[in-house]
Amino acid sequence: MDWNNIDLKNQYERSQNIIDSLSFETILLEISCNVQDINASTVMAQFEADLQIRIKSARDVMRANLQNIVNDALEYRNDG
C-alpha cells in the first residue's frame, strides 16, 4: 500500500486508519525503553511525544492524499 497515494476505490486501503492507535502495551514498552526516571511527569512526557509523532504522521498522510480525498468526496456527492 502506498501511503502517499491511497486508492480510495480499494476497500482495504479506504478502511485503513489515518492515525495509528496507541495502546497501553505500546506506551508501557516505550516507557520501559526510553524513560530513565519513571514518574507521572516523565510518563506523560513520553505519552505526549508518542502522540505528537502519530499526529505528524497522520498529517503527512492527509497532505499526501488530500486531492484523492477531495476527488472521492466530490464524486460521492455527485453520485448520491
C-alpha atoms as a PDB file:
ATOM      1  CA  MET A   1       0.000   0.000   0.000  1.00  0.00           C
ATOM      2  CA  ASP A   2       1.339   3.420  -0.956  1.00  0.00           C
ATOM      3  CA  TRP A   3       0.547   5.775   1.930  1.00  0.00           C
ATOM      4  CA  ASN A   4       1.377   8.719  -0.335  1.00  0.00           C
ATOM      5  CA  ASN A   5      -1.275   7.719  -2.866  1.00  0.00           C
ATOM      6  CA  ILE A   6      -4.139   5.840  -1.203  1.00  0.00           C
ATOM      7  CA  ASP A   7      -6.515   4.150  -3.646  1.00  0.00           C
ATOM      8  CA  LEU A   8      -9.884   5.156  -2.222  1.00  0.00           C
ATOM      9  CA  LYS A   9     -11.646   2.800  -4.662  1.00  0.00           C
ATOM     10  CA  ASN A  10      -9.915  -0.124  -2.893  1.00  0.00           C
ATOM     11  CA  GLN A  11     -11.990  -1.096   0.167  1.00  0.00           C
ATOM     12  CA  TYR A  12      -8.942  -2.340   2.093  1.00  0.00           C
ATOM     13  CA  GLU A  13      -6.993   0.885   1.597  1.00  0.00           C
ATOM     14  CA  ARG A  14     -10.092   3.002   2.224  1.00  0.00           C
ATOM     15  CA  SER A  15     -10.643   1.289   5.600  1.00  0.00           C
ATOM     16  CA  GLN A  16      -7.128   1.891   6.943  1.00  0.00           C
ATOM     17  CA  ASN A  17      -6.666   4.164   9.951  1.00  0.00           C
ATOM     18  CA  ILE A  18      -5.227   7.591   9.249  1.00  0.00           C
ATOM     19  CA  ILE A  19      -3.693   7.749  12.696  1.00  0.00           C
ATOM     20  CA  ASP A  20      -2.000   4.817  14.413  1.00  0.00           C
ATOM     21  CA  SER A  21      -3.516   3.713  17.682  1.00  0.00           C
ATOM     22  CA  LEU A  22      -1.573   3.968  20.914  1.00  0.00           C
ATOM     23  CA  SER A  23      -2.217   1.074  23.276  1.00  0.00           C
ATOM     24  CA  PHE A  24      -1.312   0.763  26.915  1.00  0.00           C
ATOM     25  CA  GLU A  25       1.050  -2.049  25.910  1.00  0.00           C
ATOM     26  CA  THR A  26       2.850   0.240  23.465  1.00  0.00           C
ATOM     27  CA  ILE A  27       3.162   3.106  25.926  1.00  0.00           C
ATOM     28  CA  LEU A  28       4.461   0.749  28.635  1.00  0.00           C
ATOM     29  CA  LEU A  29       7.094  -0.587  26.244  1.00  0.00           C
ATOM     30  CA  GLU A  30       8.091   2.950  25.261  1.00  0.00           C
ATOM     31  CA  ILE A  31       8.367   3.942  28.912  1.00  0.00           C
ATOM     32  CA  SER A  32      10.480   0.938  29.837  1.00  0.00           C
ATOM     33  CA  CYS A  33      12.838   1.548  26.901  1.00  0.00           C
ATOM     34  CA  ASN A  34      13.048   5.339  26.880  1.00  0.00           C
ATOM     35  CA  VAL A  35      12.355   6.711  30.351  1.00  0.00           C
ATOM     36  CA  GLN A  36      15.194   6.674  32.868  1.00  0.00           C
ATOM     37  CA  ASP A  37      13.330   8.082  35.875  1.00  0.00           C
ATOM     38  CA  ILE A  38       9.751   6.778  35.782  1.00  0.00           C
ATOM     39  CA  ASN A  39       7.224   9.096  37.421  1.00  0.00           C
ATOM     40  CA  ALA A  40       3.954  10.762  36.468  1.00  0.00           C
ATOM     41  CA  SER A  41       5.707  13.635  34.733  1.00  0.00           C
ATOM     42  CA  THR A  42       8.066  11.506  32.620  1.00  0.00           C
ATOM     43  CA  VAL A  43       5.286   9.062  31.713  1.00  0.00           C
ATOM     44  CA  MET A  44       3.115  11.937  30.458  1.00  0.00           C
ATOM     45  CA  ALA A  45       6.074  13.358  28.548  1.00  0.00           C
ATOM     46  CA  GLN A  46       6.600  10.004  26.791  1.00  0.00           C
ATOM     47  CA  PHE A  47       2.870   9.776  26.008  1.00  0.00           C
ATOM     48  CA  GLU A  48       2.862  13.300  24.561  1.00  0.00           C
ATOM     49  CA  ALA A  49       5.951  12.532  22.449  1.00  0.00           C
ATOM     50  CA  ASP A  50       4.341   9.356  21.077  1.00  0.00           C
ATOM     51  CA  LEU A  51       1.110  11.222  20.402  1.00  0.00           C
ATOM     52  CA  GLN A  52       2.892  14.040  18.543  1.00  0.00           C
ATOM     53  CA  ILE A  53       4.688  11.513  16.320  1.00  0.00           C
ATOM     54  CA  ARG A  54       1.352   9.908  15.430  1.00  0.00           C
ATOM     55  CA  ILE A  55      -0.255  13.294  14.757  1.00  0.00           C
ATOM     56  CA  LYS A  56       2.618  14.328  12.467  1.00  0.00           C
ATOM     57  CA  SER A  57       2.392  11.052  10.585  1.00  0.00           C
ATOM     58  CA  ALA A  58      -1.388  11.426  10.172  1.00  0.00           C
ATOM     59  CA  ARG A  59      -0.948  14.987   8.877  1.00  0.00           C
ATOM     60  CA  ASP A  60       1.653  13.792   6.366  1.00  0.00           C
ATOM     61  CA  VAL A  61      -0.716  11.076   5.103  1.00  0.00           C
ATOM     62  CA  MET A  62      -3.601  13.565   4.842  1.00  0.00           C
ATOM     63  CA  ARG A  63      -1.496  16.093   2.953  1.00  0.00           C
ATOM     64  CA  ALA A  64      -0.216  13.418   0.565  1.00  0.00           C
ATOM     65  CA  ASN A  65      -3.761  12.204  -0.141  1.00  0.00           C
ATOM     66  CA  LEU A  66      -5.705  15.435   0.073  1.00  0.00           C
ATOM     67  CA  GLN A  67      -6.509  15.598  -3.632  1.00  0.00           C
ATOM     68  CA  ASN A  68      -7.580  11.924  -3.644  1.00  0.00           C
ATOM     69  CA  ILE A  69      -9.933  12.626  -0.733  1.00  0.00           C
ATOM     70  CA  VAL A  70     -11.377  15.760  -2.326  1.00  0.00           C
ATOM     71  CA  ASN A  71     -11.929  13.941  -5.631  1.00  0.00           C
ATOM     72  CA  ASP A  72     -13.600  10.968  -3.952  1.00  0.00           C
ATOM     73  CA  ALA A  73     -15.829  13.180  -1.776  1.00  0.00           C
ATOM     74  CA  LEU A  74     -16.949  15.194  -4.821  1.00  0.00           C
ATOM     75  CA  GLU A  75     -17.623  12.015  -6.783  1.00  0.00           C
ATOM     76  CA  TYR A  76     -19.621  10.571  -3.882  1.00  0.00           C
ATOM     77  CA  ARG A  77     -21.684  13.755  -3.599  1.00  0.00           C
ATOM     78  CA  ASN A  78     -22.356  13.907  -7.331  1.00  0.00           C
ATOM     79  CA  ASP A  79     -23.370  10.227  -7.494  1.00  0.00           C
ATOM     80  CA  GLY A  80     -25.596  10.478  -4.424  1.00  0.00           C
END
